[in-house]
Amino acid sequence: MKDFTTMEKLQMKVSATYGSLLKFGDYVLVTDACYKGGFTADIYEFVETPEETGLSDIECRLNHIGSAGQTFPDNGHAIKWCMEQIAK
C-alpha cells in the first residue's frame, strides 16, 4: 500500500522560517533547510482533484515522485531544481 500525504500535512512538517511549499499545476514543490546545511528539494504529484473529491487542494492526496540527491545553497535554487525536473 502506498503512503500518501497532503499539502496540509506537508505544511506542518516544513519549518516556519525556511520551509516553502508551492502548488505548481498538478505538482507540489517542497523545500526546507537541512540539518546538515543547505536546502532540500522534493516533488509531489496530485493523485486526486478537488473536483473528484469535493475537498480543497490542501486536502487532496499527493504522491512523492522525486527528491534531489543533493542540497542547495538556498531554497530558491531548490525550487529551481524542482521546476526543471517537472519540465522534462
N, C-alpha and C. Protein backbone atom coordinates (compact mmCIF):
# COMPACT_ATOMS: atom_id res chain seq x y z
N MET A 1 0.85 -1.19 0.00
CA MET A 1 0.00 0.00 0.00
C MET A 1 0.89 1.24 0.00
N LYS A 2 0.55 2.20 -0.86
CA LYS A 2 1.33 3.43 -0.97
C LYS A 2 1.01 4.37 0.18
N ASP A 3 2.02 5.10 0.59
CA ASP A 3 1.82 6.15 1.59
C ASP A 3 1.56 7.46 0.86
N PHE A 4 0.45 8.07 1.16
CA PHE A 4 0.11 9.35 0.56
C PHE A 4 0.18 10.43 1.62
N THR A 5 0.32 11.65 1.16
CA THR A 5 0.30 12.79 2.06
C THR A 5 -0.59 13.86 1.44
N THR A 6 -0.68 14.99 2.08
CA THR A 6 -1.46 16.12 1.56
C THR A 6 -0.64 17.40 1.74
N MET A 7 -1.05 18.46 1.07
CA MET A 7 -0.38 19.74 1.26
C MET A 7 -0.48 20.17 2.71
N GLU A 8 -1.60 19.92 3.32
CA GLU A 8 -1.82 20.29 4.72
C GLU A 8 -0.80 19.60 5.63
N LYS A 9 -0.59 18.30 5.42
CA LYS A 9 0.38 17.55 6.24
C LYS A 9 1.80 18.01 5.97
N LEU A 10 2.13 18.27 4.70
CA LEU A 10 3.48 18.73 4.37
C LEU A 10 3.75 20.09 5.00
N GLN A 11 2.76 20.97 4.97
CA GLN A 11 2.95 22.31 5.54
C GLN A 11 3.27 22.24 7.03
N MET A 12 2.72 21.25 7.71
CA MET A 12 3.00 21.10 9.14
C MET A 12 4.41 20.54 9.38
N LYS A 13 5.02 19.94 8.37
CA LYS A 13 6.35 19.35 8.54
C LYS A 13 7.49 20.31 8.23
N VAL A 14 7.28 21.25 7.31
CA VAL A 14 8.37 22.16 6.95
C VAL A 14 8.51 23.25 8.00
N SER A 15 9.71 23.77 8.13
CA SER A 15 9.94 24.80 9.14
C SER A 15 9.25 26.10 8.74
N ALA A 16 8.76 26.81 9.74
CA ALA A 16 8.05 28.06 9.50
C ALA A 16 8.98 29.14 8.94
N THR A 17 10.24 29.08 9.28
CA THR A 17 11.19 30.11 8.86
C THR A 17 11.78 29.83 7.48
N TYR A 18 12.21 28.60 7.23
CA TYR A 18 12.93 28.29 6.00
C TYR A 18 12.17 27.42 5.01
N GLY A 19 11.10 26.79 5.43
CA GLY A 19 10.38 25.88 4.55
C GLY A 19 9.46 26.60 3.57
N SER A 20 9.31 26.00 2.40
CA SER A 20 8.39 26.53 1.39
C SER A 20 7.67 25.37 0.73
N LEU A 21 6.40 25.59 0.46
CA LEU A 21 5.55 24.61 -0.19
C LEU A 21 4.77 25.35 -1.25
N LEU A 22 4.94 24.96 -2.52
CA LEU A 22 4.30 25.68 -3.62
C LEU A 22 3.49 24.73 -4.48
N LYS A 23 2.23 25.08 -4.72
CA LYS A 23 1.42 24.34 -5.69
C LYS A 23 1.78 24.88 -7.05
N PHE A 24 2.11 23.98 -7.98
CA PHE A 24 2.51 24.37 -9.33
C PHE A 24 1.80 23.42 -10.30
N GLY A 25 0.62 23.82 -10.76
CA GLY A 25 -0.18 22.95 -11.62
C GLY A 25 -0.59 21.68 -10.87
N ASP A 26 -0.22 20.53 -11.43
CA ASP A 26 -0.55 19.24 -10.82
C ASP A 26 0.51 18.78 -9.82
N TYR A 27 1.43 19.66 -9.48
CA TYR A 27 2.55 19.31 -8.61
C TYR A 27 2.59 20.18 -7.36
N VAL A 28 3.29 19.68 -6.36
CA VAL A 28 3.60 20.47 -5.18
C VAL A 28 5.11 20.38 -4.99
N LEU A 29 5.76 21.53 -4.91
CA LEU A 29 7.21 21.62 -4.77
C LEU A 29 7.51 22.01 -3.33
N VAL A 30 8.44 21.29 -2.71
CA VAL A 30 8.72 21.50 -1.29
C VAL A 30 10.22 21.67 -1.08
N THR A 31 10.58 22.66 -0.29
CA THR A 31 11.97 22.86 0.10
C THR A 31 12.02 23.20 1.58
N ASP A 32 13.11 22.85 2.21
CA ASP A 32 13.28 23.16 3.62
C ASP A 32 14.77 23.14 3.94
N ALA A 33 15.14 23.79 5.03
CA ALA A 33 16.53 23.79 5.48
C ALA A 33 16.89 22.37 5.94
N CYS A 34 18.11 21.97 5.62
CA CYS A 34 18.60 20.65 6.02
C CYS A 34 19.47 20.81 7.27
N TYR A 35 19.37 19.87 8.19
CA TYR A 35 20.15 19.97 9.42
C TYR A 35 21.66 19.94 9.16
N LYS A 36 22.07 19.41 8.00
CA LYS A 36 23.49 19.36 7.65
C LYS A 36 23.94 20.62 6.92
N GLY A 37 23.02 21.53 6.68
CA GLY A 37 23.31 22.74 5.91
C GLY A 37 22.70 22.63 4.53
N GLY A 38 22.37 23.75 3.94
CA GLY A 38 21.75 23.76 2.63
C GLY A 38 20.25 23.51 2.70
N PHE A 39 19.65 23.33 1.53
CA PHE A 39 18.21 23.16 1.42
C PHE A 39 17.87 21.93 0.61
N THR A 40 16.84 21.23 1.02
CA THR A 40 16.36 20.04 0.32
C THR A 40 15.32 20.43 -0.73
N ALA A 41 15.05 19.51 -1.66
CA ALA A 41 14.04 19.73 -2.68
C ALA A 41 13.28 18.43 -2.92
N ASP A 42 11.95 18.51 -2.88
CA ASP A 42 11.09 17.35 -3.11
C ASP A 42 9.93 17.73 -4.01
N ILE A 43 9.48 16.75 -4.80
CA ILE A 43 8.36 16.96 -5.72
C ILE A 43 7.26 15.95 -5.41
N TYR A 44 6.05 16.45 -5.35
CA TYR A 44 4.86 15.62 -5.14
C TYR A 44 3.90 15.86 -6.30
N GLU A 45 3.06 14.86 -6.57
CA GLU A 45 2.09 14.95 -7.65
C GLU A 45 0.69 14.65 -7.08
N PHE A 46 -0.29 15.42 -7.50
CA PHE A 46 -1.66 15.16 -7.06
C PHE A 46 -2.15 13.84 -7.65
N VAL A 47 -2.79 13.02 -6.83
CA VAL A 47 -3.39 11.78 -7.32
C VAL A 47 -4.91 11.86 -7.32
N GLU A 48 -5.43 12.99 -6.86
CA GLU A 48 -6.87 13.25 -6.92
C GLU A 48 -7.06 14.75 -6.99
N THR A 49 -8.23 15.17 -7.40
CA THR A 49 -8.50 16.61 -7.57
C THR A 49 -9.69 17.03 -6.70
N PRO A 50 -9.81 18.34 -6.46
CA PRO A 50 -10.98 18.83 -5.72
C PRO A 50 -12.29 18.46 -6.41
N GLU A 51 -12.28 18.45 -7.75
CA GLU A 51 -13.49 18.10 -8.49
C GLU A 51 -13.91 16.65 -8.24
N GLU A 52 -12.93 15.77 -8.10
CA GLU A 52 -13.21 14.35 -7.85
C GLU A 52 -13.68 14.09 -6.42
N THR A 53 -13.09 14.84 -5.47
CA THR A 53 -13.30 14.53 -4.06
C THR A 53 -14.24 15.47 -3.33
N GLY A 54 -14.40 16.69 -3.84
CA GLY A 54 -15.17 17.70 -3.11
C GLY A 54 -14.35 18.35 -2.00
N LEU A 55 -13.07 18.01 -1.92
CA LEU A 55 -12.16 18.58 -0.92
C LEU A 55 -11.41 19.76 -1.51
N SER A 56 -10.75 20.54 -0.67
CA SER A 56 -9.90 21.62 -1.17
C SER A 56 -8.55 21.04 -1.61
N ASP A 57 -7.77 21.84 -2.33
CA ASP A 57 -6.44 21.40 -2.78
C ASP A 57 -5.60 20.86 -1.63
N ILE A 58 -5.64 21.55 -0.50
CA ILE A 58 -4.74 21.17 0.59
C ILE A 58 -5.10 19.83 1.21
N GLU A 59 -6.30 19.32 0.92
CA GLU A 59 -6.74 18.04 1.48
C GLU A 59 -6.64 16.88 0.49
N CYS A 60 -6.36 17.17 -0.78
CA CYS A 60 -6.23 16.12 -1.79
C CYS A 60 -4.92 15.36 -1.62
N ARG A 61 -4.96 14.08 -1.93
CA ARG A 61 -3.78 13.22 -1.73
C ARG A 61 -2.69 13.51 -2.75
N LEU A 62 -1.46 13.40 -2.26
CA LEU A 62 -0.25 13.60 -3.07
C LEU A 62 0.62 12.36 -3.00
N ASN A 63 1.31 12.09 -4.09
CA ASN A 63 2.28 11.01 -4.16
C ASN A 63 3.67 11.63 -4.33
N HIS A 64 4.63 11.21 -3.54
CA HIS A 64 6.00 11.71 -3.65
C HIS A 64 6.63 11.11 -4.89
N ILE A 65 7.13 11.96 -5.80
CA ILE A 65 7.69 11.44 -7.05
C ILE A 65 9.17 11.75 -7.25
N GLY A 66 9.77 12.57 -6.37
CA GLY A 66 11.19 12.84 -6.55
C GLY A 66 11.80 13.67 -5.45
N SER A 67 13.09 13.38 -5.22
CA SER A 67 13.91 14.15 -4.27
C SER A 67 15.25 14.44 -4.92
N ALA A 68 15.77 15.59 -4.65
CA ALA A 68 17.12 15.90 -5.13
C ALA A 68 18.11 15.07 -4.32
N GLY A 69 19.10 14.55 -4.98
CA GLY A 69 20.13 13.79 -4.29
C GLY A 69 21.24 14.69 -3.76
N GLN A 70 20.92 15.94 -3.61
CA GLN A 70 21.89 16.94 -3.16
C GLN A 70 21.16 18.01 -2.37
N THR A 71 21.90 18.88 -1.73
CA THR A 71 21.29 20.06 -1.12
C THR A 71 21.68 21.28 -1.95
N PHE A 72 20.99 22.37 -1.71
CA PHE A 72 21.18 23.60 -2.48
C PHE A 72 21.54 24.75 -1.55
N PRO A 73 22.20 25.80 -2.08
CA PRO A 73 22.64 26.90 -1.22
C PRO A 73 21.49 27.73 -0.63
N ASP A 74 20.32 27.69 -1.28
CA ASP A 74 19.15 28.41 -0.77
C ASP A 74 17.89 27.74 -1.31
N ASN A 75 16.74 28.16 -0.78
CA ASN A 75 15.50 27.50 -1.20
C ASN A 75 15.07 27.89 -2.61
N GLY A 76 15.54 29.01 -3.11
CA GLY A 76 15.24 29.39 -4.50
C GLY A 76 15.86 28.42 -5.49
N HIS A 77 17.12 28.04 -5.25
CA HIS A 77 17.78 27.06 -6.12
C HIS A 77 17.14 25.68 -5.98
N ALA A 78 16.67 25.35 -4.81
CA ALA A 78 15.98 24.07 -4.61
C ALA A 78 14.69 24.03 -5.42
N ILE A 79 13.92 25.10 -5.41
CA ILE A 79 12.69 25.15 -6.19
C ILE A 79 13.01 25.19 -7.69
N LYS A 80 14.08 25.85 -8.08
CA LYS A 80 14.50 25.85 -9.48
C LYS A 80 14.75 24.41 -9.94
N TRP A 81 15.42 23.61 -9.12
CA TRP A 81 15.67 22.20 -9.45
C TRP A 81 14.34 21.48 -9.65
N CYS A 82 13.40 21.68 -8.75
CA CYS A 82 12.08 21.03 -8.86
C CYS A 82 11.42 21.39 -10.19
N MET A 83 11.43 22.66 -10.53
CA MET A 83 10.78 23.11 -11.76
C MET A 83 11.45 22.51 -13.00
N GLU A 84 12.76 22.41 -12.95
CA GLU A 84 13.48 21.78 -14.07
C GLU A 84 13.11 20.32 -14.22
N GLN A 85 12.90 19.63 -13.11
CA GLN A 85 12.55 18.20 -13.16
C GLN A 85 11.16 17.99 -13.75
N ILE A 86 10.20 18.81 -13.39
CA ILE A 86 8.85 18.59 -13.90
C ILE A 86 8.69 19.09 -15.33
N ALA A 87 9.64 19.92 -15.81
CA ALA A 87 9.61 20.39 -17.19
C ALA A 87 10.11 19.34 -18.16
N LYS A 88 10.77 18.31 -17.62
CA LYS A 88 11.34 17.26 -18.51
C LYS A 88 10.27 16.39 -19.11
